[in-house]
Amino acid sequence: FMPIVVESTPLADFENWSSLIPS
């Protein structure tokens, strides 16, 4: 599963996506 990366803020999107998944 790959999160939708926003061109303007890829890092911010990744952090948000990572927060949704409990590790």
PDB file of N, CA and C in Angstrom:
ATOM      1  N   PHE A   1       0.848  -1.201   0.000  1.00  0.00           N
ATOM      2  CA  PHE A   1       0.000   0.000   0.000  1.00  0.00           C
ATOM      3  C   PHE A   1       0.879   1.244   0.000  1.00  0.00           C
ATOM      4  N   MET A   2       0.598   2.138  -0.966  1.00  0.00           N
ATOM      5  CA  MET A   2       1.400   3.361  -1.040  1.00  0.00           C
ATOM      6  C   MET A   2       0.512   4.579  -0.866  1.00  0.00           C
ATOM      7  N   PRO A   3       0.885   5.428   0.093  1.00  0.00           N
ATOM      8  CA  PRO A   3       0.096   6.634   0.371  1.00  0.00           C
ATOM      9  C   PRO A   3       0.222   7.646  -0.759  1.00  0.00           C
ATOM     10  N   ILE A   4      -0.785   8.483  -0.901  1.00  0.00           N
ATOM     11  CA  ILE A   4      -0.736   9.514  -1.945  1.00  0.00           C
ATOM     12  C   ILE A   4       0.190  10.635  -1.488  1.00  0.00           C
ATOM     13  N   VAL A   5       1.297  10.786  -2.174  1.00  0.00           N
ATOM     14  CA  VAL A   5       2.272  11.809  -1.787  1.00  0.00           C
ATOM     15  C   VAL A   5       1.946  13.126  -2.471  1.00  0.00           C
ATOM     16  N   VAL A   6       1.837  14.163  -1.655  1.00  0.00           N
ATOM     17  CA  VAL A   6       1.536  15.481  -2.207  1.00  0.00           C
ATOM     18  C   VAL A   6       2.823  16.104  -2.718  1.00  0.00           C
ATOM     19  N   GLU A   7       2.768  16.669  -3.906  1.00  0.00           N
ATOM     20  CA  GLU A   7       3.977  17.241  -4.513  1.00  0.00           C
ATOM     21  C   GLU A   7       4.580  18.331  -3.642  1.00  0.00           C
ATOM     22  N   SER A   8       3.705  19.101  -2.995  1.00  0.00           N
ATOM     23  CA  SER A   8       4.201  20.232  -2.201  1.00  0.00           C
ATOM     24  C   SER A   8       4.807  19.766  -0.875  1.00  0.00           C
ATOM     25  N   THR A   9       4.154  18.769  -0.246  1.00  0.00           N
ATOM     26  CA  THR A   9       4.664  18.333   1.055  1.00  0.00           C
ATOM     27  C   THR A   9       4.672  16.812   1.167  1.00  0.00           C
ATOM     28  N   PRO A  10       5.657  16.161   0.557  1.00  0.00           N
ATOM     29  CA  PRO A  10       5.753  14.699   0.613  1.00  0.00           C
ATOM     30  C   PRO A  10       6.093  14.207   2.010  1.00  0.00           C
ATOM     31  N   LEU A  11       6.949  14.929   2.702  1.00  0.00           N
ATOM     32  CA  LEU A  11       7.356  14.523   4.048  1.00  0.00           C
ATOM     33  C   LEU A  11       6.197  14.620   5.018  1.00  0.00           C
ATOM     34  N   ALA A  12       5.427  15.692   4.898  1.00  0.00           N
ATOM     35  CA  ALA A  12       4.294  15.886   5.797  1.00  0.00           C
ATOM     36  C   ALA A  12       3.269  14.782   5.571  1.00  0.00           C
ATOM     37  N   ASP A  13       3.056  14.418   4.309  1.00  0.00           N
ATOM     38  CA  ASP A  13       2.096  13.373   3.990  1.00  0.00           C
ATOM     39  C   ASP A  13       2.575  12.039   4.544  1.00  0.00           C
ATOM     40  N   PHE A  14       3.853  11.791   4.458  1.00  0.00           N
ATOM     41  CA  PHE A  14       4.410  10.536   4.954  1.00  0.00           C
ATOM     42  C   PHE A  14       4.249  10.434   6.463  1.00  0.00           C
ATOM     43  N   GLU A  15       4.461  11.550   7.152  1.00  0.00           N
ATOM     44  CA  GLU A  15       4.323  11.559   8.614  1.00  0.00           C
ATOM     45  C   GLU A  15       2.876  11.270   8.995  1.00  0.00           C
ATOM     46  N   ASN A  16       1.947  11.872   8.252  1.00  0.00           N
ATOM     47  CA  ASN A  16       0.530  11.669   8.538  1.00  0.00           C
ATOM     48  C   ASN A  16       0.151  10.219   8.263  1.00  0.00           C
ATOM     49  N   TRP A  17       0.654   9.670   7.156  1.00  0.00           N
ATOM     50  CA  TRP A  17       0.366   8.291   6.783  1.00  0.00           C
ATOM     51  C   TRP A  17       0.950   7.325   7.809  1.00  0.00           C
ATOM     52  N   SER A  18       2.142   7.651   8.297  1.00  0.00           N
ATOM     53  CA  SER A  18       2.791   6.788   9.272  1.00  0.00           C
ATOM     54  C   SER A  18       2.038   6.816  10.597  1.00  0.00           C
ATOM     55  N   SER A  19       1.460   7.961  10.930  1.00  0.00           N
ATOM     56  CA  SER A  19       0.720   8.091  12.185  1.00  0.00           C
ATOM     57  C   SER A  19      -0.535   7.222  12.166  1.00  0.00           C
ATOM     58  N   LEU A  20      -1.107   7.036  10.971  1.00  0.00           N
ATOM     59  CA  LEU A  20      -2.327   6.235  10.858  1.00  0.00           C
ATOM     60  C   LEU A  20      -2.029   4.762  11.099  1.00  0.00           C
ATOM     61  N   ILE A  21      -0.798   4.361  10.847  1.00  0.00           N
ATOM     62  CA  ILE A  21      -0.431   2.956  11.028  1.00  0.00           C
ATOM     63  C   ILE A  21       0.341   2.754  12.329  1.00  0.00           C
ATOM     64  N   PRO A  22      -0.252   2.028  13.274  1.00  0.00           N
ATOM     65  CA  PRO A  22       0.440   1.756  14.539  1.00  0.00           C
ATOM     66  C   PRO A  22       1.615   0.826  14.315  1.00  0.00           C
ATOM     67  N   SER A  23       2.807   1.214  14.784  1.00  0.00           N
ATOM     68  CA  SER A  23       3.943   0.339  14.562  1.00  0.00           C
ATOM     69  C   SER A  23       4.383  -0.294  15.875  1.00  0.00           C
TER      70      SER A  23
END
